[in-house]
Amino acid sequence: MIVKADGSYEQNSNQPNGDMGYKNVKVVDETSPEGKELASKIISLWPNSQLVIDGDGNITDVIAVEPPAQKDQSPASQKQSQQDSEGSIDTNSLRDDVDRILARLAAAGIP
């Protein structure tokens, strides 16, 4: 399992104790009993969690934190939130994601 700087994680059964080619990530070794337990805790507490990092930069624990307070929403944004939770796609966000991906590919010289 890798844990990114924002606390999000990814797992890959082919590389349970590797960085999967990412840079600047923390690796949790899921091949050990301690690593399996830590990975399970990270998954169960995400996204309302905070990583505990030791002096060597390793994740030693994860603790639960309060979710951020939600802002008061106008009726229009509440309706949009309800539509989003019912499975609609936020096309503006999707466009932004695609634009970021295309810019990164172009910067890397990939047509």
N, C-alpha and C. Protein backbone atom coordinates (compact mmCIF):
# COMPACT_ATOMS: atom_id res chain seq x y z
N MET A 1 0.85 -1.18 0.00
CA MET A 1 0.00 0.00 0.00
C MET A 1 0.89 1.23 0.00
N ILE A 2 0.48 2.20 -0.78
CA ILE A 2 1.15 3.49 -0.71
C ILE A 2 0.17 4.50 -0.11
N VAL A 3 0.73 5.47 0.62
CA VAL A 3 -0.08 6.54 1.18
C VAL A 3 0.52 7.84 0.66
N LYS A 4 -0.31 8.61 0.02
CA LYS A 4 0.12 9.88 -0.58
C LYS A 4 0.15 10.99 0.48
N ALA A 5 0.72 12.12 0.10
CA ALA A 5 0.88 13.24 1.03
C ALA A 5 -0.47 13.72 1.59
N ASP A 6 -1.53 13.60 0.80
CA ASP A 6 -2.85 14.05 1.27
C ASP A 6 -3.55 13.00 2.12
N GLY A 7 -2.89 11.87 2.35
CA GLY A 7 -3.47 10.81 3.16
C GLY A 7 -4.24 9.77 2.37
N SER A 8 -4.48 10.03 1.09
CA SER A 8 -5.17 9.04 0.28
C SER A 8 -4.23 7.86 0.05
N TYR A 9 -4.78 6.74 -0.34
CA TYR A 9 -3.97 5.53 -0.46
C TYR A 9 -4.32 4.76 -1.72
N GLU A 10 -3.41 3.88 -2.11
CA GLU A 10 -3.66 2.93 -3.19
C GLU A 10 -3.06 1.60 -2.80
N GLN A 11 -3.69 0.55 -3.26
CA GLN A 11 -3.19 -0.79 -3.03
C GLN A 11 -2.98 -1.48 -4.36
N ASN A 12 -2.01 -2.39 -4.38
CA ASN A 12 -1.74 -3.17 -5.58
C ASN A 12 -1.30 -4.54 -5.11
N SER A 13 -2.10 -5.56 -5.39
CA SER A 13 -1.78 -6.90 -4.90
C SER A 13 -0.49 -7.44 -5.50
N ASN A 14 -0.04 -6.88 -6.63
CA ASN A 14 1.23 -7.32 -7.22
C ASN A 14 2.43 -6.68 -6.53
N GLN A 15 2.21 -5.58 -5.82
CA GLN A 15 3.29 -4.89 -5.10
C GLN A 15 2.81 -4.49 -3.71
N PRO A 16 2.55 -5.47 -2.83
CA PRO A 16 1.99 -5.14 -1.51
C PRO A 16 2.97 -4.42 -0.58
N ASN A 17 4.24 -4.36 -0.97
CA ASN A 17 5.22 -3.68 -0.12
C ASN A 17 6.14 -2.77 -0.93
N GLY A 18 5.65 -2.25 -2.07
CA GLY A 18 6.46 -1.39 -2.93
C GLY A 18 5.79 -0.05 -3.17
N ASP A 19 6.54 0.87 -3.78
CA ASP A 19 6.01 2.22 -4.00
C ASP A 19 5.23 2.35 -5.30
N MET A 20 5.11 1.27 -6.06
CA MET A 20 4.33 1.22 -7.30
C MET A 20 4.77 2.27 -8.32
N GLY A 21 6.01 2.73 -8.20
CA GLY A 21 6.53 3.70 -9.15
C GLY A 21 6.24 5.15 -8.80
N TYR A 22 5.54 5.38 -7.71
CA TYR A 22 5.25 6.74 -7.28
C TYR A 22 6.45 7.34 -6.57
N LYS A 23 6.52 8.65 -6.59
CA LYS A 23 7.54 9.39 -5.84
C LYS A 23 6.86 10.09 -4.67
N ASN A 24 7.61 10.32 -3.62
CA ASN A 24 7.12 11.06 -2.44
C ASN A 24 5.87 10.45 -1.83
N VAL A 25 5.89 9.14 -1.66
CA VAL A 25 4.79 8.45 -0.99
C VAL A 25 5.36 7.64 0.17
N LYS A 26 4.51 7.30 1.11
CA LYS A 26 4.88 6.40 2.21
C LYS A 26 4.41 5.01 1.83
N VAL A 27 5.23 4.01 2.15
CA VAL A 27 4.88 2.62 1.84
C VAL A 27 4.53 1.89 3.13
N VAL A 28 3.40 1.20 3.11
CA VAL A 28 3.00 0.33 4.21
C VAL A 28 3.16 -1.10 3.70
N ASP A 29 4.02 -1.87 4.36
CA ASP A 29 4.32 -3.24 3.94
C ASP A 29 3.18 -4.17 4.35
N GLU A 30 2.32 -4.49 3.39
CA GLU A 30 1.16 -5.33 3.68
C GLU A 30 1.52 -6.81 3.76
N THR A 31 2.80 -7.16 3.63
CA THR A 31 3.19 -8.56 3.74
C THR A 31 3.46 -8.96 5.18
N SER A 32 3.55 -7.99 6.09
CA SER A 32 3.77 -8.29 7.50
C SER A 32 2.46 -8.15 8.28
N PRO A 33 2.33 -8.86 9.39
CA PRO A 33 1.10 -8.72 10.19
C PRO A 33 0.87 -7.28 10.65
N GLU A 34 1.95 -6.59 11.05
CA GLU A 34 1.82 -5.21 11.50
C GLU A 34 1.38 -4.30 10.36
N GLY A 35 1.95 -4.53 9.19
CA GLY A 35 1.60 -3.74 8.01
C GLY A 35 0.17 -3.96 7.58
N LYS A 36 -0.28 -5.22 7.64
CA LYS A 36 -1.68 -5.52 7.30
C LYS A 36 -2.63 -4.81 8.24
N GLU A 37 -2.29 -4.82 9.54
CA GLU A 37 -3.13 -4.16 10.53
C GLU A 37 -3.17 -2.65 10.30
N LEU A 38 -2.00 -2.06 10.02
CA LEU A 38 -1.93 -0.62 9.77
C LEU A 38 -2.70 -0.26 8.49
N ALA A 39 -2.55 -1.05 7.44
CA ALA A 39 -3.27 -0.79 6.18
C ALA A 39 -4.77 -0.84 6.40
N SER A 40 -5.21 -1.83 7.17
CA SER A 40 -6.64 -1.96 7.46
C SER A 40 -7.15 -0.75 8.23
N LYS A 41 -6.35 -0.25 9.15
CA LYS A 41 -6.74 0.92 9.94
C LYS A 41 -6.80 2.18 9.07
N ILE A 42 -5.83 2.33 8.17
CA ILE A 42 -5.81 3.47 7.25
C ILE A 42 -7.09 3.47 6.40
N ILE A 43 -7.43 2.30 5.87
CA ILE A 43 -8.63 2.17 5.03
C ILE A 43 -9.89 2.49 5.83
N SER A 44 -9.98 1.97 7.04
CA SER A 44 -11.21 2.14 7.81
C SER A 44 -11.41 3.58 8.28
N LEU A 45 -10.34 4.33 8.48
CA LEU A 45 -10.47 5.70 8.99
C LEU A 45 -10.48 6.76 7.89
N TRP A 46 -10.05 6.43 6.67
CA TRP A 46 -9.98 7.41 5.60
C TRP A 46 -11.37 7.92 5.30
N PRO A 47 -11.63 9.18 5.06
CA PRO A 47 -10.70 10.29 4.92
C PRO A 47 -10.52 11.10 6.20
N ASN A 48 -11.21 10.73 7.26
CA ASN A 48 -11.15 11.51 8.50
C ASN A 48 -10.07 10.94 9.41
N SER A 49 -8.84 11.08 8.96
CA SER A 49 -7.72 10.50 9.69
C SER A 49 -6.48 11.38 9.58
N GLN A 50 -5.56 11.11 10.49
CA GLN A 50 -4.27 11.79 10.47
C GLN A 50 -3.19 10.74 10.68
N LEU A 51 -2.16 10.77 9.84
CA LEU A 51 -1.08 9.81 9.93
C LEU A 51 -0.14 10.20 11.07
N VAL A 52 0.38 9.20 11.76
CA VAL A 52 1.42 9.40 12.77
C VAL A 52 2.72 8.94 12.13
N ILE A 53 3.68 9.86 12.01
CA ILE A 53 4.95 9.59 11.32
C ILE A 53 6.08 9.61 12.34
N ASP A 54 6.98 8.62 12.27
CA ASP A 54 8.12 8.61 13.20
C ASP A 54 9.26 9.47 12.66
N GLY A 55 10.35 9.53 13.39
CA GLY A 55 11.50 10.35 13.02
C GLY A 55 12.16 9.94 11.73
N ASP A 56 11.95 8.70 11.30
CA ASP A 56 12.52 8.21 10.04
C ASP A 56 11.59 8.41 8.85
N GLY A 57 10.41 9.01 9.11
CA GLY A 57 9.46 9.26 8.03
C GLY A 57 8.53 8.11 7.74
N ASN A 58 8.47 7.13 8.63
CA ASN A 58 7.59 5.98 8.43
C ASN A 58 6.27 6.18 9.15
N ILE A 59 5.20 5.64 8.57
CA ILE A 59 3.89 5.70 9.22
C ILE A 59 3.89 4.67 10.34
N THR A 60 3.62 5.12 11.55
CA THR A 60 3.57 4.19 12.69
C THR A 60 2.14 3.96 13.17
N ASP A 61 1.25 4.87 12.84
CA ASP A 61 -0.13 4.74 13.28
C ASP A 61 -0.98 5.72 12.48
N VAL A 62 -2.27 5.61 12.65
CA VAL A 62 -3.22 6.55 12.05
C VAL A 62 -4.30 6.77 13.09
N ILE A 63 -4.70 8.02 13.25
CA ILE A 63 -5.71 8.34 14.25
C ILE A 63 -6.91 8.99 13.59
N ALA A 64 -8.06 8.77 14.19
CA ALA A 64 -9.30 9.36 13.68
C ALA A 64 -9.34 10.83 14.06
N VAL A 65 -9.84 11.65 13.14
CA VAL A 65 -10.06 13.08 13.41
C VAL A 65 -11.49 13.42 13.03
N GLU A 66 -11.97 14.52 13.57
CA GLU A 66 -13.32 14.96 13.25
C GLU A 66 -13.39 15.37 11.78
N PRO A 67 -14.48 15.04 11.10
CA PRO A 67 -14.63 15.51 9.73
C PRO A 67 -14.76 17.02 9.71
N PRO A 68 -14.33 17.66 8.64
CA PRO A 68 -14.45 19.12 8.57
C PRO A 68 -15.92 19.53 8.62
N ALA A 69 -16.16 20.67 9.25
CA ALA A 69 -17.52 21.18 9.33
C ALA A 69 -18.00 21.53 7.94
N GLN A 70 -19.23 21.16 7.65
CA GLN A 70 -19.78 21.47 6.34
C GLN A 70 -20.31 22.89 6.34
N LYS A 71 -20.09 23.57 5.25
CA LYS A 71 -20.58 24.94 5.09
C LYS A 71 -22.08 24.91 4.87
N ASP A 72 -22.74 25.97 5.32
CA ASP A 72 -24.16 26.11 5.01
C ASP A 72 -24.29 26.23 3.50
N GLN A 73 -25.23 25.49 2.97
CA GLN A 73 -25.40 25.52 1.52
C GLN A 73 -26.70 26.21 1.15
N SER A 74 -26.64 26.91 0.05
CA SER A 74 -27.85 27.51 -0.49
C SER A 74 -28.74 26.40 -1.04
N PRO A 75 -30.02 26.65 -1.20
CA PRO A 75 -30.91 25.62 -1.75
C PRO A 75 -30.43 25.08 -3.10
N ALA A 76 -29.87 25.96 -3.94
CA ALA A 76 -29.41 25.50 -5.27
C ALA A 76 -28.24 24.54 -5.12
N SER A 77 -27.28 24.86 -4.23
CA SER A 77 -26.13 23.97 -4.08
C SER A 77 -26.52 22.69 -3.36
N GLN A 78 -27.53 22.75 -2.46
CA GLN A 78 -28.02 21.55 -1.83
C GLN A 78 -28.63 20.61 -2.87
N LYS A 79 -29.38 21.19 -3.82
CA LYS A 79 -29.98 20.40 -4.88
C LYS A 79 -28.89 19.75 -5.73
N GLN A 80 -27.82 20.52 -6.04
CA GLN A 80 -26.71 19.97 -6.83
C GLN A 80 -26.03 18.85 -6.06
N SER A 81 -25.82 19.03 -4.75
CA SER A 81 -25.20 18.00 -3.92
C SER A 81 -26.05 16.74 -3.93
N GLN A 82 -27.36 16.91 -3.84
CA GLN A 82 -28.25 15.76 -3.86
C GLN A 82 -28.15 15.05 -5.20
N GLN A 83 -28.12 15.81 -6.30
CA GLN A 83 -27.99 15.20 -7.62
C GLN A 83 -26.66 14.46 -7.73
N ASP A 84 -25.57 15.07 -7.21
CA ASP A 84 -24.26 14.42 -7.27
C ASP A 84 -24.29 13.10 -6.50
N SER A 85 -24.93 13.10 -5.32
CA SER A 85 -24.96 11.88 -4.53
C SER A 85 -25.85 10.82 -5.14
N GLU A 86 -26.73 11.23 -6.04
CA GLU A 86 -27.61 10.27 -6.70
C GLU A 86 -26.99 9.71 -7.98
N GLY A 87 -25.73 10.03 -8.22
CA GLY A 87 -25.03 9.41 -9.34
C GLY A 87 -24.78 10.31 -10.52
N SER A 88 -25.16 11.58 -10.50
CA SER A 88 -24.84 12.45 -11.62
C SER A 88 -23.36 12.77 -11.61
N ILE A 89 -22.87 13.13 -12.75
CA ILE A 89 -21.46 13.46 -12.90
C ILE A 89 -21.29 14.96 -12.89
N ASP A 90 -20.34 15.43 -12.10
CA ASP A 90 -20.00 16.85 -12.08
C ASP A 90 -19.09 17.10 -13.28
N THR A 91 -19.67 17.58 -14.38
CA THR A 91 -18.90 17.71 -15.62
C THR A 91 -17.83 18.79 -15.53
N ASN A 92 -18.05 19.83 -14.73
CA ASN A 92 -17.02 20.86 -14.58
C ASN A 92 -15.78 20.28 -13.93
N SER A 93 -15.97 19.50 -12.89
CA SER A 93 -14.85 18.87 -12.20
C SER A 93 -14.15 17.88 -13.13
N LEU A 94 -14.93 17.13 -13.87
CA LEU A 94 -14.38 16.16 -14.81
C LEU A 94 -13.54 16.86 -15.88
N ARG A 95 -14.05 17.99 -16.42
CA ARG A 95 -13.30 18.76 -17.41
C ARG A 95 -11.99 19.26 -16.83
N ASP A 96 -12.04 19.76 -15.60
CA ASP A 96 -10.83 20.25 -14.94
C ASP A 96 -9.80 19.13 -14.80
N ASP A 97 -10.27 17.93 -14.41
CA ASP A 97 -9.37 16.79 -14.27
C ASP A 97 -8.73 16.43 -15.61
N VAL A 98 -9.54 16.39 -16.66
CA VAL A 98 -9.03 16.06 -17.99
C VAL A 98 -8.01 17.11 -18.45
N ASP A 99 -8.31 18.38 -18.22
CA ASP A 99 -7.38 19.45 -18.59
C ASP A 99 -6.05 19.30 -17.87
N ARG A 100 -6.09 18.97 -16.57
CA ARG A 100 -4.85 18.78 -15.80
C ARG A 100 -4.05 17.60 -16.35
N ILE A 101 -4.75 16.52 -16.67
CA ILE A 101 -4.07 15.33 -17.20
C ILE A 101 -3.42 15.65 -18.55
N LEU A 102 -4.16 16.32 -19.42
CA LEU A 102 -3.62 16.67 -20.73
C LEU A 102 -2.41 17.59 -20.61
N ALA A 103 -2.47 18.54 -19.68
CA ALA A 103 -1.33 19.45 -19.48
C ALA A 103 -0.11 18.69 -18.99
N ARG A 104 -0.30 17.73 -18.10
CA ARG A 104 0.82 16.94 -17.60
C ARG A 104 1.42 16.07 -18.71
N LEU A 105 0.56 15.51 -19.54
CA LEU A 105 1.06 14.70 -20.66
C LEU A 105 1.85 15.57 -21.63
N ALA A 106 1.33 16.75 -21.94
CA ALA A 106 2.02 17.66 -22.86
C ALA A 106 3.37 18.07 -22.28
N ALA A 107 3.39 18.35 -20.97
CA ALA A 107 4.65 18.76 -20.32
C ALA A 107 5.68 17.63 -20.34
N ALA A 108 5.19 16.40 -20.34
CA ALA A 108 6.09 15.25 -20.40
C ALA A 108 6.47 14.88 -21.83
N GLY A 109 5.95 15.63 -22.80
CA GLY A 109 6.28 15.37 -24.20
C GLY A 109 5.48 14.24 -24.80
N ILE A 110 4.37 13.88 -24.18
CA ILE A 110 3.52 12.82 -24.69
C ILE A 110 2.38 13.47 -25.47
N PRO A 111 2.25 13.16 -26.76
CA PRO A 111 1.22 13.80 -27.57
C PRO A 111 -0.18 13.33 -27.21
